[in-house]
Full PDB file with SEQRES, HELIX, SHEET, SSBOND, CRYST1, ORIGX, SCALE, CONECT and MASTER records, all heavy atoms in Angstrom:
SEQRES   1 A   31  ALA ALA PRO ALA PHE LEU ILE VAL ILE GLY MET PRO LEU          
SEQRES   2 A   31  THR TYR SER ILE ALA ASP GLY ILE ALA LEU GLY PHE ILE          
SEQRES   3 A   31  LEU TYR PRO ILE THR                                          
HELIX    1 AA1 ALA A    2  THR A   14  1                                  13    
HELIX    2 AA2 ILE A   17  LEU A   27  1                                  11    
CRYST1    1.000    1.000    1.000  90.00  90.00  90.00 P 1           1          
ORIGX1      1.000000  0.000000  0.000000        0.00000                         
ORIGX2      0.000000  1.000000  0.000000        0.00000                         
ORIGX3      0.000000  0.000000  1.000000        0.00000                         
SCALE1      1.000000  0.000000  0.000000        0.00000                         
SCALE2      0.000000  1.000000  0.000000        0.00000                         
SCALE3      0.000000  0.000000  1.000000        0.00000                         
ATOM      1  N   ALA A   1       0.797  -1.226   0.031  1.00  0.00           N  
ATOM      2  CA  ALA A   1      -0.056   0.029   0.060  1.00  0.00           C  
ATOM      3  C   ALA A   1       0.831   1.265   0.069  1.00  0.00           C  
ATOM      4  O   ALA A   1       0.503   2.230  -0.713  1.00  0.00           O  
ATOM      5  CB  ALA A   1      -0.901   0.031   1.237  1.00  0.00           C  
ATOM      6  N   ALA A   2       1.993   1.312   0.689  1.00  0.00           N  
ATOM      7  CA  ALA A   2       2.747   2.435   0.898  1.00  0.00           C  
ATOM      8  C   ALA A   2       3.433   2.896  -0.521  1.00  0.00           C  
ATOM      9  O   ALA A   2       3.271   4.056  -0.943  1.00  0.00           O  
ATOM     10  CB  ALA A   2       3.923   2.275   1.870  1.00  0.00           C  
ATOM     11  N   PRO A   3       4.094   1.993  -1.221  1.00  0.00           N  
ATOM     12  CA  PRO A   3       4.577   2.453  -2.525  1.00  0.00           C  
ATOM     13  C   PRO A   3       3.553   2.790  -3.524  1.00  0.00           C  
ATOM     14  O   PRO A   3       3.554   3.619  -4.324  1.00  0.00           O  
ATOM     15  CB  PRO A   3       5.383   1.232  -2.961  1.00  0.00           C  
ATOM     16  CG  PRO A   3       5.059   0.001  -2.162  1.00  0.00           C  
ATOM     17  CD  PRO A   3       4.599   0.647  -0.839  1.00  0.00           C  
ATOM     18  N   ALA A   4       2.392   2.047  -3.499  1.00  0.00           N  
ATOM     19  CA  ALA A   4       1.247   2.316  -4.380  1.00  0.00           C  
ATOM     20  C   ALA A   4       0.690   3.763  -4.064  1.00  0.00           C  
ATOM     21  O   ALA A   4       0.369   4.525  -4.985  1.00  0.00           O  
ATOM     22  CB  ALA A   4       0.159   1.229  -4.065  1.00  0.00           C  
ATOM     23  N   PHE A   5       0.631   4.018  -2.841  1.00  0.00           N  
ATOM     24  CA  PHE A   5       0.209   5.425  -2.437  1.00  0.00           C  
ATOM     25  C   PHE A   5       1.095   6.486  -2.877  1.00  0.00           C  
ATOM     26  O   PHE A   5       0.575   7.501  -3.412  1.00  0.00           O  
ATOM     27  CB  PHE A   5       0.044   5.585  -0.886  1.00  0.00           C  
ATOM     28  CG  PHE A   5      -0.399   6.827  -0.390  1.00  0.00           C  
ATOM     29  CD1 PHE A   5      -1.691   7.207  -0.484  1.00  0.00           C  
ATOM     30  CD2 PHE A   5       0.464   7.803   0.129  1.00  0.00           C  
ATOM     31  CE1 PHE A   5      -2.076   8.511  -0.128  1.00  0.00           C  
ATOM     32  CE2 PHE A   5       0.045   9.048   0.523  1.00  0.00           C  
ATOM     33  CZ  PHE A   5      -1.249   9.414   0.447  1.00  0.00           C  
ATOM     34  N   LEU A   6       2.421   6.327  -2.813  1.00  0.00           N  
ATOM     35  CA  LEU A   6       3.297   7.244  -3.277  1.00  0.00           C  
ATOM     36  C   LEU A   6       3.230   7.466  -4.763  1.00  0.00           C  
ATOM     37  O   LEU A   6       3.361   8.600  -5.326  1.00  0.00           O  
ATOM     38  CB  LEU A   6       4.835   6.794  -2.946  1.00  0.00           C  
ATOM     39  CG  LEU A   6       5.175   7.007  -1.482  1.00  0.00           C  
ATOM     40  CD1 LEU A   6       6.678   6.760  -1.294  1.00  0.00           C  
ATOM     41  CD2 LEU A   6       5.009   8.531  -1.080  1.00  0.00           C  
ATOM     42  N   ILE A   7       2.982   6.428  -5.520  1.00  0.00           N  
ATOM     43  CA  ILE A   7       2.742   6.485  -6.947  1.00  0.00           C  
ATOM     44  C   ILE A   7       1.562   7.324  -7.150  1.00  0.00           C  
ATOM     45  O   ILE A   7       1.521   8.383  -8.057  1.00  0.00           O  
ATOM     46  CB  ILE A   7       2.624   5.166  -7.556  1.00  0.00           C  
ATOM     47  CG1 ILE A   7       3.922   4.336  -7.660  1.00  0.00           C  
ATOM     48  CG2 ILE A   7       2.045   5.286  -9.071  1.00  0.00           C  
ATOM     49  CD1 ILE A   7       3.860   3.024  -8.135  1.00  0.00           C  
ATOM     50  N   VAL A   8       0.503   7.003  -6.492  1.00  0.00           N  
ATOM     51  CA  VAL A   8      -0.838   7.756  -6.715  1.00  0.00           C  
ATOM     52  C   VAL A   8      -0.749   9.245  -6.425  1.00  0.00           C  
ATOM     53  O   VAL A   8      -1.152  10.167  -7.223  1.00  0.00           O  
ATOM     54  CB  VAL A   8      -1.988   7.095  -5.983  1.00  0.00           C  
ATOM     55  CG1 VAL A   8      -3.290   7.918  -6.131  1.00  0.00           C  
ATOM     56  CG2 VAL A   8      -2.251   5.654  -6.453  1.00  0.00           C  
ATOM     57  N   ILE A   9      -0.169   9.577  -5.205  1.00  0.00           N  
ATOM     58  CA  ILE A   9      -0.196  10.891  -4.805  1.00  0.00           C  
ATOM     59  C   ILE A   9       1.056  11.725  -5.475  1.00  0.00           C  
ATOM     60  O   ILE A   9       0.990  12.942  -5.563  1.00  0.00           O  
ATOM     61  CB  ILE A   9      -0.066  11.075  -3.270  1.00  0.00           C  
ATOM     62  CG1 ILE A   9      -0.486  12.349  -2.867  1.00  0.00           C  
ATOM     63  CG2 ILE A   9       1.290  10.577  -2.780  1.00  0.00           C  
ATOM     64  CD1 ILE A   9      -1.916  12.692  -2.992  1.00  0.00           C  
ATOM     65  N   GLY A  10       2.023  10.951  -5.813  1.00  0.00           N  
ATOM     66  CA  GLY A  10       3.237  11.601  -6.426  1.00  0.00           C  
ATOM     67  C   GLY A  10       3.084  12.145  -7.690  1.00  0.00           C  
ATOM     68  O   GLY A  10       3.664  13.262  -7.999  1.00  0.00           O  
ATOM     69  N   MET A  11       2.275  11.574  -8.563  1.00  0.00           N  
ATOM     70  CA  MET A  11       2.072  12.026  -9.891  1.00  0.00           C  
ATOM     71  C   MET A  11       1.439  13.463  -9.856  1.00  0.00           C  
ATOM     72  O   MET A  11       2.079  14.398 -10.542  1.00  0.00           O  
ATOM     73  CB  MET A  11       1.213  11.122 -10.751  1.00  0.00           C  
ATOM     74  CG  MET A  11       1.895   9.773 -11.129  1.00  0.00           C  
ATOM     75  SD  MET A  11       0.872   8.742 -12.215  1.00  0.00           S  
ATOM     76  CE  MET A  11       1.797   7.283 -12.161  1.00  0.00           C  
ATOM     77  N   PRO A  12       0.329  13.761  -9.251  1.00  0.00           N  
ATOM     78  CA  PRO A  12      -0.147  15.164  -9.372  1.00  0.00           C  
ATOM     79  C   PRO A  12       0.751  16.154  -8.489  1.00  0.00           C  
ATOM     80  O   PRO A  12       0.849  17.246  -8.927  1.00  0.00           O  
ATOM     81  CB  PRO A  12      -1.577  15.050  -8.658  1.00  0.00           C  
ATOM     82  CG  PRO A  12      -1.524  13.802  -7.824  1.00  0.00           C  
ATOM     83  CD  PRO A  12      -0.597  12.870  -8.519  1.00  0.00           C  
ATOM     84  N   LEU A  13       1.250  15.651  -7.370  1.00  0.00           N  
ATOM     85  CA  LEU A  13       2.115  16.571  -6.513  1.00  0.00           C  
ATOM     86  C   LEU A  13       3.441  16.991  -7.125  1.00  0.00           C  
ATOM     87  O   LEU A  13       3.944  18.081  -7.026  1.00  0.00           O  
ATOM     88  CB  LEU A  13       2.322  16.025  -5.257  1.00  0.00           C  
ATOM     89  CG  LEU A  13       1.047  15.896  -4.284  1.00  0.00           C  
ATOM     90  CD1 LEU A  13       1.499  15.316  -2.922  1.00  0.00           C  
ATOM     91  CD2 LEU A  13       0.376  17.086  -4.172  1.00  0.00           C  
ATOM     92  N   THR A  14       4.070  16.030  -7.943  1.00  0.00           N  
ATOM     93  CA  THR A  14       5.316  16.433  -8.729  1.00  0.00           C  
ATOM     94  C   THR A  14       4.934  16.846 -10.083  1.00  0.00           C  
ATOM     95  O   THR A  14       5.962  17.295 -10.788  1.00  0.00           O  
ATOM     96  CB  THR A  14       6.226  15.148  -8.692  1.00  0.00           C  
ATOM     97  OG1 THR A  14       5.577  14.163  -9.475  1.00  0.00           O  
ATOM     98  CG2 THR A  14       6.567  14.598  -7.362  1.00  0.00           C  
ATOM     99  N   TYR A  15       3.810  16.789 -10.583  1.00  0.00           N  
ATOM    100  CA  TYR A  15       3.369  17.124 -11.930  1.00  0.00           C  
ATOM    101  C   TYR A  15       4.137  16.280 -12.861  1.00  0.00           C  
ATOM    102  O   TYR A  15       4.560  16.775 -13.875  1.00  0.00           O  
ATOM    103  CB  TYR A  15       3.542  18.674 -12.134  1.00  0.00           C  
ATOM    104  CG  TYR A  15       2.580  19.215 -12.983  1.00  0.00           C  
ATOM    105  CD1 TYR A  15       1.191  19.447 -12.592  1.00  0.00           C  
ATOM    106  CD2 TYR A  15       2.868  19.469 -14.355  1.00  0.00           C  
ATOM    107  CE1 TYR A  15       0.237  20.020 -13.514  1.00  0.00           C  
ATOM    108  CE2 TYR A  15       1.845  20.005 -15.242  1.00  0.00           C  
ATOM    109  CZ  TYR A  15       0.624  20.263 -14.811  1.00  0.00           C  
ATOM    110  OH  TYR A  15      -0.303  20.801 -15.743  1.00  0.00           O  
ATOM    111  N   SER A  16       4.304  15.071 -12.474  1.00  0.00           N  
ATOM    112  CA  SER A  16       5.126  14.156 -13.490  1.00  0.00           C  
ATOM    113  C   SER A  16       4.664  12.659 -13.249  1.00  0.00           C  
ATOM    114  O   SER A  16       4.725  12.174 -12.126  1.00  0.00           O  
ATOM    115  CB  SER A  16       6.549  14.343 -13.235  1.00  0.00           C  
ATOM    116  OG  SER A  16       7.384  13.304 -13.959  1.00  0.00           O  
ATOM    117  N   ILE A  17       4.370  12.011 -14.252  1.00  0.00           N  
ATOM    118  CA  ILE A  17       4.052  10.617 -14.165  1.00  0.00           C  
ATOM    119  C   ILE A  17       5.360   9.785 -13.856  1.00  0.00           C  
ATOM    120  O   ILE A  17       5.287   8.954 -12.970  1.00  0.00           O  
ATOM    121  CB  ILE A  17       3.505  10.014 -15.522  1.00  0.00           C  
ATOM    122  CG1 ILE A  17       2.072  10.652 -15.827  1.00  0.00           C  
ATOM    123  CG2 ILE A  17       3.366   8.555 -15.485  1.00  0.00           C  
ATOM    124  CD1 ILE A  17       1.547  10.369 -17.150  1.00  0.00           C  
ATOM    125  N   ALA A  18       6.393  10.219 -14.461  1.00  0.00           N  
ATOM    126  CA  ALA A  18       7.654   9.456 -14.219  1.00  0.00           C  
ATOM    127  C   ALA A  18       8.240   9.605 -12.825  1.00  0.00           C  
ATOM    128  O   ALA A  18       8.608   8.675 -12.142  1.00  0.00           O  
ATOM    129  CB  ALA A  18       8.827   9.971 -15.243  1.00  0.00           C  
ATOM    130  N   ASP A  19       8.044  10.957 -12.252  1.00  0.00           N  
ATOM    131  CA  ASP A  19       8.430  11.061 -10.841  1.00  0.00           C  
ATOM    132  C   ASP A  19       7.679  10.265  -9.824  1.00  0.00           C  
ATOM    133  O   ASP A  19       8.093   9.785  -8.853  1.00  0.00           O  
ATOM    134  CB  ASP A  19       8.353  12.605 -10.510  1.00  0.00           C  
ATOM    135  CG  ASP A  19       9.507  13.307 -11.262  1.00  0.00           C  
ATOM    136  OD1 ASP A  19      10.470  12.668 -11.873  1.00  0.00           O  
ATOM    137  OD2 ASP A  19       9.411  14.574 -11.120  1.00  0.00           O  
ATOM    138  N   GLY A  20       6.310  10.225 -10.142  1.00  0.00           N  
ATOM    139  CA  GLY A  20       5.399   9.458  -9.244  1.00  0.00           C  
ATOM    140  C   GLY A  20       5.730   8.056  -9.240  1.00  0.00           C  
ATOM    141  O   GLY A  20       5.802   7.369  -8.222  1.00  0.00           O  
ATOM    142  N   ILE A  21       6.019   7.503 -10.386  1.00  0.00           N  
ATOM    143  CA  ILE A  21       6.455   6.050 -10.608  1.00  0.00           C  
ATOM    144  C   ILE A  21       7.777   5.823  -9.794  1.00  0.00           C  
ATOM    145  O   ILE A  21       8.003   4.807  -9.098  1.00  0.00           O  
ATOM    146  CB  ILE A  21       6.619   5.698 -12.078  1.00  0.00           C  
ATOM    147  CG1 ILE A  21       5.234   5.664 -12.754  1.00  0.00           C  
ATOM    148  CG2 ILE A  21       7.316   4.304 -12.168  1.00  0.00           C  
ATOM    149  CD1 ILE A  21       5.225   5.472 -14.179  1.00  0.00           C  
ATOM    150  N   ALA A  22       8.689   6.793  -9.977  1.00  0.00           N  
ATOM    151  CA  ALA A  22       9.950   6.730  -9.340  1.00  0.00           C  
ATOM    152  C   ALA A  22       9.834   6.510  -7.804  1.00  0.00           C  
ATOM    153  O   ALA A  22      10.512   5.636  -7.208  1.00  0.00           O  
ATOM    154  CB  ALA A  22      10.856   7.841  -9.627  1.00  0.00           C  
ATOM    155  N   LEU A  23       8.998   7.338  -7.207  1.00  0.00           N  
ATOM    156  CA  LEU A  23       8.914   7.236  -5.707  1.00  0.00           C  
ATOM    157  C   LEU A  23       8.439   5.898  -5.308  1.00  0.00           C  
ATOM    158  O   LEU A  23       8.886   5.314  -4.312  1.00  0.00           O  
ATOM    159  CB  LEU A  23       7.883   8.348  -5.295  1.00  0.00           C  
ATOM    160  CG  LEU A  23       8.297   9.890  -5.450  1.00  0.00           C  
ATOM    161  CD1 LEU A  23       7.159  10.721  -5.128  1.00  0.00           C  
ATOM    162  CD2 LEU A  23       9.493  10.099  -4.638  1.00  0.00           C  
ATOM    163  N   GLY A  24       7.395   5.330  -6.002  1.00  0.00           N  
ATOM    164  CA  GLY A  24       6.876   4.093  -5.591  1.00  0.00           C  
ATOM    165  C   GLY A  24       7.802   2.888  -5.919  1.00  0.00           C  
ATOM    166  O   GLY A  24       7.913   1.997  -5.072  1.00  0.00           O  
ATOM    167  N   PHE A  25       8.549   3.053  -7.001  1.00  0.00           N  
ATOM    168  CA  PHE A  25       9.444   2.002  -7.325  1.00  0.00           C  
ATOM    169  C   PHE A  25      10.628   1.807  -6.478  1.00  0.00           C  
ATOM    170  O   PHE A  25      11.254   0.748  -6.274  1.00  0.00           O  
ATOM    171  CB  PHE A  25       9.891   2.164  -8.825  1.00  0.00           C  
ATOM    172  CG  PHE A  25       8.818   1.578  -9.837  1.00  0.00           C  
ATOM    173  CD1 PHE A  25       7.497   1.638  -9.462  1.00  0.00           C  
ATOM    174  CD2 PHE A  25       9.212   1.128 -11.139  1.00  0.00           C  
ATOM    175  CE1 PHE A  25       6.520   1.193 -10.514  1.00  0.00           C  
ATOM    176  CE2 PHE A  25       8.276   0.718 -12.013  1.00  0.00           C  
ATOM    177  CZ  PHE A  25       6.873   0.722 -11.696  1.00  0.00           C  
ATOM    178  N   ILE A  26      11.061   3.040  -6.025  1.00  0.00           N  
ATOM    179  CA  ILE A  26      12.115   3.022  -4.958  1.00  0.00           C  
ATOM    180  C   ILE A  26      11.824   2.463  -3.659  1.00  0.00           C  
ATOM    181  O   ILE A  26      12.584   1.624  -3.077  1.00  0.00           O  
ATOM    182  CB  ILE A  26      12.634   4.439  -4.762  1.00  0.00           C  
ATOM    183  CG1 ILE A  26      13.400   5.000  -5.985  1.00  0.00           C  
ATOM    184  CG2 ILE A  26      13.668   4.561  -3.602  1.00  0.00           C  
ATOM    185  CD1 ILE A  26      13.625   6.545  -5.935  1.00  0.00           C  
ATOM    186  N   LEU A  27      10.600   2.634  -3.257  1.00  0.00           N  
ATOM    187  CA  LEU A  27      10.114   2.193  -1.924  1.00  0.00           C  
ATOM    188  C   LEU A  27       9.683   0.727  -2.000  1.00  0.00           C  
ATOM    189  O   LEU A  27      10.010  -0.034  -0.988  1.00  0.00           O  
ATOM    190  CB  LEU A  27       8.917   2.987  -1.480  1.00  0.00           C  
ATOM    191  CG  LEU A  27       8.432   2.719  -0.062  1.00  0.00           C  
ATOM    192  CD1 LEU A  27       9.532   2.908   1.048  1.00  0.00           C  
ATOM    193  CD2 LEU A  27       7.168   3.547   0.177  1.00  0.00           C  
ATOM    194  N   TYR A  28       9.150   0.288  -3.050  1.00  0.00           N  
ATOM    195  CA  TYR A  28       8.629  -1.084  -3.084  1.00  0.00           C  
ATOM    196  C   TYR A  28       9.664  -2.206  -2.715  1.00  0.00           C  
ATOM    197  O   TYR A  28       9.292  -3.005  -1.794  1.00  0.00           O  
ATOM    198  CB  TYR A  28       8.006  -1.319  -4.499  1.00  0.00           C  
ATOM    199  CG  TYR A  28       7.555  -2.753  -4.703  1.00  0.00           C  
ATOM    200  CD1 TYR A  28       6.261  -3.087  -4.076  1.00  0.00           C  
ATOM    201  CD2 TYR A  28       8.140  -3.772  -5.415  1.00  0.00           C  
ATOM    202  CE1 TYR A  28       5.795  -4.445  -4.175  1.00  0.00           C  
ATOM    203  CE2 TYR A  28       7.607  -5.044  -5.539  1.00  0.00           C  
ATOM    204  CZ  TYR A  28       6.522  -5.388  -4.967  1.00  0.00           C  
ATOM    205  OH  TYR A  28       5.993  -6.669  -5.136  1.00  0.00           O  
ATOM    206  N   PRO A  29      10.849  -2.331  -3.323  1.00  0.00           N  
ATOM    207  CA  PRO A  29      11.748  -3.377  -2.893  1.00  0.00           C  
ATOM    208  C   PRO A  29      12.204  -3.192  -1.396  1.00  0.00           C  
ATOM    209  O   PRO A  29      12.359  -4.196  -0.751  1.00  0.00           O  
ATOM    210  CB  PRO A  29      13.022  -3.106  -3.851  1.00  0.00           C  
ATOM    211  CG  PRO A  29      12.461  -2.187  -4.949  1.00  0.00           C  
ATOM    212  CD  PRO A  29      11.350  -1.406  -4.396  1.00  0.00           C  
ATOM    213  N   ILE A  30      12.152  -1.940  -0.947  1.00  0.00           N  
ATOM    214  CA  ILE A  30      12.588  -1.781   0.443  1.00  0.00           C  
ATOM    215  C   ILE A  30      11.548  -2.358   1.465  1.00  0.00           C  
ATOM    216  O   ILE A  30      11.873  -3.081   2.320  1.00  0.00           O  
ATOM    217  CB  ILE A  30      12.712  -0.205   0.695  1.00  0.00           C  
ATOM    218  CG1 ILE A  30      14.005   0.236  -0.124  1.00  0.00           C  
ATOM    219  CG2 ILE A  30      12.995   0.006   2.283  1.00  0.00           C  
ATOM    220  CD1 ILE A  30      14.155   1.741  -0.083  1.00  0.00           C  
ATOM    221  N   THR A  31      10.187  -1.993   1.219  1.00  0.00           N  
ATOM    222  CA  THR A  31       9.218  -2.568   2.220  1.00  0.00           C  
ATOM    223  C   THR A  31       9.041  -4.034   1.993  1.00  0.00           C  
ATOM    224  O   THR A  31       8.736  -4.709   3.002  1.00  0.00           O  
ATOM    225  CB  THR A  31       7.872  -1.804   1.779  1.00  0.00           C  
ATOM    226  OG1 THR A  31       7.542  -1.907   0.418  1.00  0.00           O  
ATOM    227  CG2 THR A  31       7.990  -0.347   2.187  1.00  0.00           C  
TER     228      THR A  31                                                      
MASTER        0    0    0    2    0    0    0    6  227    1    0    3          
END                                                                             
């Protein structure tokens, strides 16, 4: 849920699809 949430909220807040994906993809292997 945490990396998924970062992807969802990251896209509009960073105004970038790629940046939102980046936040979630970095966290997913860690969690």
